[in-house]
Amino acid sequence: MIFRQLFDQESSTYTYFLADEESREAIFIDPVSTHIEGYMKLLHDHGCTLKYSLETHVHADHVTGSGLLRQQTAARTGVNEQCGAVCADMQLQHGQTLTFGQSDIHVISTPGHTPGSTSFLIGDRLFTGDALLINGCGRTDFQGGDAGAQYDGIVQRLFTLPDETLVYPGHDYHGKRVSNIGQERAINPRLAGKSRDEFIQMMNNLNLPKPRLIDIAVPANRMCGILEDAEEVVQG
C-alpha cells in the first residue's frame, strides 16, 4: 500500500492518499482545493489512476478538491447521503463497502459533528474526519450537530474496533499525526470516563467562535467544491 498523510497549513486539514501498489488504483480522502496540482503530481509520480475522492463530511473550514479532481481524472466523488451534497457521484451509507485494488473501504456513519459525518476503515487504518480527533472530537454546535449522536457513534462504532486500529483524524492543531483506538478510548479527555449526559453537557457549553470560512465553504462543498455551481445555489 502506498500511503501519504498530507497537511494543509491554512485549515490544519489532513488529506490522505492511498494507492494499491499492484493495480495502481488510488483514492484521496478529504482533498483541499488549493492543493490540486500537488495531488495530480502525486498521482503522476506513482503512476496511479484515481478511483475515488471521498469526503468525511461537508467541511466548514476549507473548500474540497473533490470536484476539481473529478474534472481532471476519472474519479468518482463520494459523501454520506446525509450531507446534502447532491453533486456527488456516490451517496454513501453506513455499512457500505467500496474497493480499490486489493483493499476494502468500510463506510462507518459517525454523525454528530454534522449529520453526514463518516469514518472510513481501510485495513487497520481508520480515517475519522472530525468525528474523533487525537485527544478530542469535533464540535457539535452548528451545521445540524448533535452531541448525543456523536457520543453514540464514537462509543458504539469506533471504540468497539480493536485497540491497535490506527486513528487518522481530519484535523490536528498541535502537530499530532496519528493515534489508535486503545489510546483514545483510555485517555481522550472529552470521552474517557464520560457518561453520555456528561459528554452532551460539555459539548453544549464549549462556546467556540464561528468558523471563519463557513459561509463560503459549506455551500461550495455541497457542490463538490466547484465554486461557480455553489454561487448559483447561493444566488438562486
Protein backbone atom coordinates (compact mmCIF):
# COMPACT_ATOMS: atom_id res chain seq x y z
CA MET A 1 0.00 0.00 0.00
CA ILE A 2 1.23 3.48 -0.89
CA PHE A 3 0.19 5.89 1.85
CA ARG A 4 0.69 9.62 2.30
CA GLN A 5 -0.64 11.92 5.02
CA LEU A 6 -0.78 15.45 3.59
CA PHE A 7 -1.36 18.67 5.53
CA ASP A 8 -2.99 21.99 4.66
CA GLN A 9 -1.44 24.70 6.81
CA GLU A 10 -4.28 27.18 6.32
CA SER A 11 -7.03 24.97 7.75
CA SER A 12 -4.93 22.36 9.61
CA THR A 13 -6.64 19.73 7.45
CA TYR A 14 -5.18 16.29 6.86
CA THR A 15 -5.71 14.81 3.40
CA TYR A 16 -4.96 11.15 2.82
CA PHE A 17 -3.67 9.45 -0.32
CA LEU A 18 -3.79 5.67 -0.55
CA ALA A 19 -2.93 3.54 -3.57
CA ASP A 20 -2.69 -0.15 -4.35
CA GLU A 21 0.87 -0.98 -5.41
CA GLU A 22 -0.17 -3.66 -7.88
CA SER A 23 -3.20 -2.17 -9.66
CA ARG A 24 -2.15 1.47 -9.03
CA GLU A 25 -5.74 2.36 -8.20
CA ALA A 26 -5.78 5.26 -5.75
CA ILE A 27 -8.09 7.28 -3.51
CA PHE A 28 -7.99 10.64 -1.76
CA ILE A 29 -9.82 11.34 1.49
CA ASP A 30 -10.69 14.98 2.24
CA PRO A 31 -8.71 16.73 -0.53
CA VAL A 32 -8.34 20.53 -0.35
CA SER A 33 -8.96 22.64 -3.46
CA THR A 34 -5.76 24.67 -3.19
CA HIS A 35 -3.57 21.55 -3.44
CA ILE A 36 -4.86 20.09 -6.72
CA GLU A 37 -1.55 20.50 -8.55
CA GLY A 38 0.24 18.58 -5.81
CA TYR A 39 -2.35 15.82 -5.89
CA MET A 40 -2.05 15.44 -9.65
CA LYS A 41 1.74 15.28 -9.36
CA LEU A 42 1.43 12.60 -6.69
CA LEU A 43 -0.77 10.53 -8.98
CA HIS A 44 1.63 11.02 -11.88
CA ASP A 45 4.78 10.25 -9.88
CA HIS A 46 3.32 6.96 -8.65
CA GLY A 47 1.69 6.05 -11.96
CA CYS A 48 -1.74 5.88 -10.31
CA THR A 49 -5.30 6.17 -11.53
CA LEU A 50 -7.62 7.96 -9.13
CA LYS A 51 -10.71 5.84 -8.46
CA TYR A 52 -12.40 7.73 -5.62
CA SER A 53 -12.30 11.10 -3.92
CA LEU A 54 -14.08 10.68 -0.59
CA GLU A 55 -15.30 13.18 2.00
CA THR A 56 -15.71 12.55 5.71
CA HIS A 57 -18.34 15.35 5.82
CA VAL A 58 -19.27 18.74 4.37
CA HIS A 59 -16.43 20.86 5.70
CA ALA A 60 -16.85 24.34 7.17
CA ASP A 61 -13.21 25.43 7.15
CA HIS A 62 -11.93 24.73 3.63
CA VAL A 63 -13.20 24.06 0.13
CA THR A 64 -12.91 20.47 -1.03
CA GLY A 65 -10.87 19.48 -4.06
CA SER A 66 -13.12 16.54 -4.96
CA GLY A 67 -14.94 18.27 -7.81
CA LEU A 68 -11.72 19.52 -9.37
CA LEU A 69 -10.17 16.07 -9.13
CA ARG A 70 -13.23 14.62 -10.84
CA GLN A 71 -12.79 17.15 -13.66
CA GLN A 72 -9.17 16.16 -14.21
CA THR A 73 -9.42 12.39 -13.68
CA ALA A 74 -11.96 9.59 -13.96
CA ALA A 75 -12.52 9.65 -10.20
CA ARG A 76 -15.94 9.27 -8.61
CA THR A 77 -16.78 11.50 -5.66
CA GLY A 78 -18.39 10.10 -2.53
CA VAL A 79 -20.05 11.61 0.55
CA ASN A 80 -22.56 10.36 3.09
CA GLU A 81 -26.15 10.57 1.88
CA GLN A 82 -26.99 12.86 4.84
CA CYS A 83 -24.52 15.55 3.71
CA GLY A 84 -26.83 17.19 1.19
CA ALA A 85 -24.09 17.18 -1.46
CA VAL A 86 -26.25 16.22 -4.43
CA CYS A 87 -23.32 16.72 -6.80
CA ALA A 88 -21.50 13.63 -5.52
CA ASP A 89 -21.44 10.51 -7.67
CA MET A 90 -21.95 8.26 -4.65
CA GLN A 91 -24.30 8.91 -1.73
CA LEU A 92 -22.65 6.68 0.84
CA GLN A 93 -24.49 4.71 3.51
CA HIS A 94 -23.38 3.10 6.76
CA GLY A 95 -22.16 -0.45 6.22
CA GLN A 96 -21.37 0.06 2.56
CA THR A 97 -18.07 -1.30 1.20
CA LEU A 98 -16.03 0.15 -1.65
CA THR A 99 -12.89 -1.34 -3.14
CA PHE A 100 -9.72 -0.09 -4.76
CA GLY A 101 -7.10 -2.58 -5.83
CA GLN A 102 -6.99 -5.30 -3.18
CA SER A 103 -8.31 -3.07 -0.39
CA ASP A 104 -11.79 -2.62 1.04
CA ILE A 105 -13.12 0.71 2.28
CA HIS A 106 -15.69 0.20 5.03
CA VAL A 107 -18.10 3.13 5.41
CA ILE A 108 -18.95 3.88 9.05
CA SER A 109 -21.51 6.60 9.71
CA THR A 110 -20.43 8.67 12.71
CA PRO A 111 -22.92 11.57 12.81
CA GLY A 112 -22.80 14.31 15.38
CA HIS A 113 -20.27 16.86 14.15
CA THR A 114 -22.60 17.02 11.15
CA PRO A 115 -25.49 14.68 10.24
CA GLY A 116 -23.41 13.17 7.43
CA SER A 117 -20.10 12.75 9.22
CA THR A 118 -18.46 9.49 8.19
CA SER A 119 -15.38 7.45 9.05
CA PHE A 120 -13.59 5.12 6.65
CA LEU A 121 -11.89 1.90 7.78
CA ILE A 122 -9.21 0.57 5.43
CA GLY A 123 -7.31 -2.38 6.86
CA ASP A 124 -6.03 -1.27 10.27
CA ARG A 125 -6.33 2.43 9.41
CA LEU A 126 -9.37 4.42 10.49
CA PHE A 127 -9.96 7.83 8.92
CA THR A 128 -12.26 9.68 11.30
CA GLY A 129 -12.66 13.16 9.82
CA ASP A 130 -13.91 15.49 12.56
CA ALA A 131 -15.82 12.82 14.50
CA LEU A 132 -12.87 11.56 16.55
CA LEU A 133 -9.73 13.68 16.83
CA ILE A 134 -6.49 12.96 18.66
CA ASN A 135 -7.30 13.78 22.29
CA GLY A 136 -10.57 15.40 21.22
CA CYS A 137 -13.57 15.33 18.92
CA GLY A 138 -15.33 17.67 16.53
CA ARG A 139 -17.66 20.37 17.79
CA THR A 140 -21.43 19.82 17.56
CA ASP A 141 -22.83 23.34 17.87
CA PHE A 142 -23.54 24.20 14.22
CA GLN A 143 -24.46 22.66 10.85
CA GLY A 144 -27.00 20.26 12.38
CA GLY A 145 -24.64 18.96 15.04
CA ASP A 146 -25.86 16.53 17.70
CA ALA A 147 -23.69 15.75 20.73
CA GLY A 148 -25.68 12.65 21.68
CA ALA A 149 -25.35 11.18 18.20
CA GLN A 150 -21.63 11.93 18.25
CA TYR A 151 -21.15 10.11 21.55
CA ASP A 152 -23.11 7.10 20.29
CA GLY A 153 -21.21 6.89 17.02
CA ILE A 154 -17.80 7.08 18.65
CA VAL A 155 -18.53 4.77 21.57
CA GLN A 156 -20.66 2.19 19.76
CA ARG A 157 -18.98 2.13 16.34
CA LEU A 158 -15.39 3.35 16.71
CA PHE A 159 -14.45 2.38 20.25
CA THR A 160 -15.56 -1.21 19.56
CA LEU A 161 -12.77 -1.61 16.99
CA PRO A 162 -9.51 -3.32 18.07
CA ASP A 163 -7.20 -1.24 20.27
CA GLU A 164 -4.46 -1.37 17.63
CA THR A 165 -6.62 0.29 14.96
CA LEU A 166 -4.77 3.42 13.87
CA VAL A 167 -6.71 6.69 14.08
CA TYR A 168 -6.02 9.27 11.37
CA PRO A 169 -8.08 12.43 12.03
CA GLY A 170 -9.31 15.08 9.63
CA HIS A 171 -7.55 17.84 11.58
CA ASP A 172 -4.98 18.44 14.22
CA TYR A 173 -3.90 21.81 15.59
CA HIS A 174 -0.98 20.63 17.74
CA GLY A 175 1.24 18.70 15.33
CA LYS A 176 -0.12 15.25 16.18
CA ARG A 177 -0.41 12.89 13.23
CA VAL A 178 -1.79 9.53 14.39
CA SER A 179 -3.28 7.79 17.42
CA ASN A 180 -5.05 4.48 18.00
CA ILE A 181 -8.39 3.34 19.31
CA GLY A 182 -6.98 1.96 22.56
CA GLN A 183 -5.35 5.26 23.41
CA GLU A 184 -8.39 7.39 22.54
CA ARG A 185 -10.74 5.13 24.49
CA ALA A 186 -8.45 5.31 27.52
CA ILE A 187 -7.31 8.94 27.69
CA ASN A 188 -9.27 11.15 25.26
CA PRO A 189 -10.24 13.99 27.65
CA ARG A 190 -13.63 14.57 26.04
CA LEU A 191 -14.66 10.92 26.08
CA ALA A 192 -12.69 8.78 28.53
CA GLY A 193 -14.76 8.11 31.64
CA LYS A 194 -17.58 10.39 30.45
CA SER A 195 -21.21 9.33 30.51
CA ARG A 196 -23.41 10.25 27.56
CA ASP A 197 -25.11 13.00 29.59
CA GLU A 198 -21.77 14.42 30.76
CA PHE A 199 -20.50 14.47 27.19
CA ILE A 200 -23.61 16.26 25.92
CA GLN A 201 -23.41 18.89 28.65
CA MET A 202 -19.73 19.53 27.94
CA MET A 203 -20.18 19.76 24.16
CA ASN A 204 -23.17 22.09 24.50
CA ASN A 205 -21.09 24.54 26.54
CA LEU A 206 -17.86 24.86 24.54
CA ASN A 207 -18.77 28.38 23.33
CA LEU A 208 -16.41 28.27 20.34
CA PRO A 209 -16.24 31.04 17.69
CA LYS A 210 -17.92 30.50 14.33
CA PRO A 211 -15.56 29.04 11.68
CA ARG A 212 -14.19 31.88 9.56
CA LEU A 213 -14.95 30.33 6.16
CA ILE A 214 -18.23 28.54 6.96
CA ASP A 215 -20.43 30.78 4.78
CA ILE A 216 -18.20 30.12 1.78
CA ALA A 217 -17.07 26.56 2.41
CA VAL A 218 -20.38 24.84 3.19
CA PRO A 219 -22.24 25.93 0.01
CA ALA A 220 -19.14 25.19 -2.07
CA ASN A 221 -18.67 21.75 -0.55
CA ARG A 222 -22.28 20.82 -1.15
CA MET A 223 -21.37 21.36 -4.82
CA CYS A 224 -18.18 19.26 -4.52
CA GLY A 225 -16.04 22.39 -4.36
CA ILE A 226 -16.96 23.79 -7.77
CA LEU A 227 -17.33 27.44 -6.82
CA GLU A 228 -19.36 28.58 -9.85
CA ASP A 229 -22.03 25.98 -9.08
CA ALA A 230 -22.06 26.97 -5.42
CA GLU A 231 -22.50 30.66 -6.30
CA GLU A 232 -25.54 29.79 -8.44
CA VAL A 233 -27.09 27.91 -5.50
CA VAL A 234 -26.47 30.81 -3.07
CA GLN A 235 -27.82 33.44 -5.51
CA GLY A 236 -30.74 31.33 -6.72
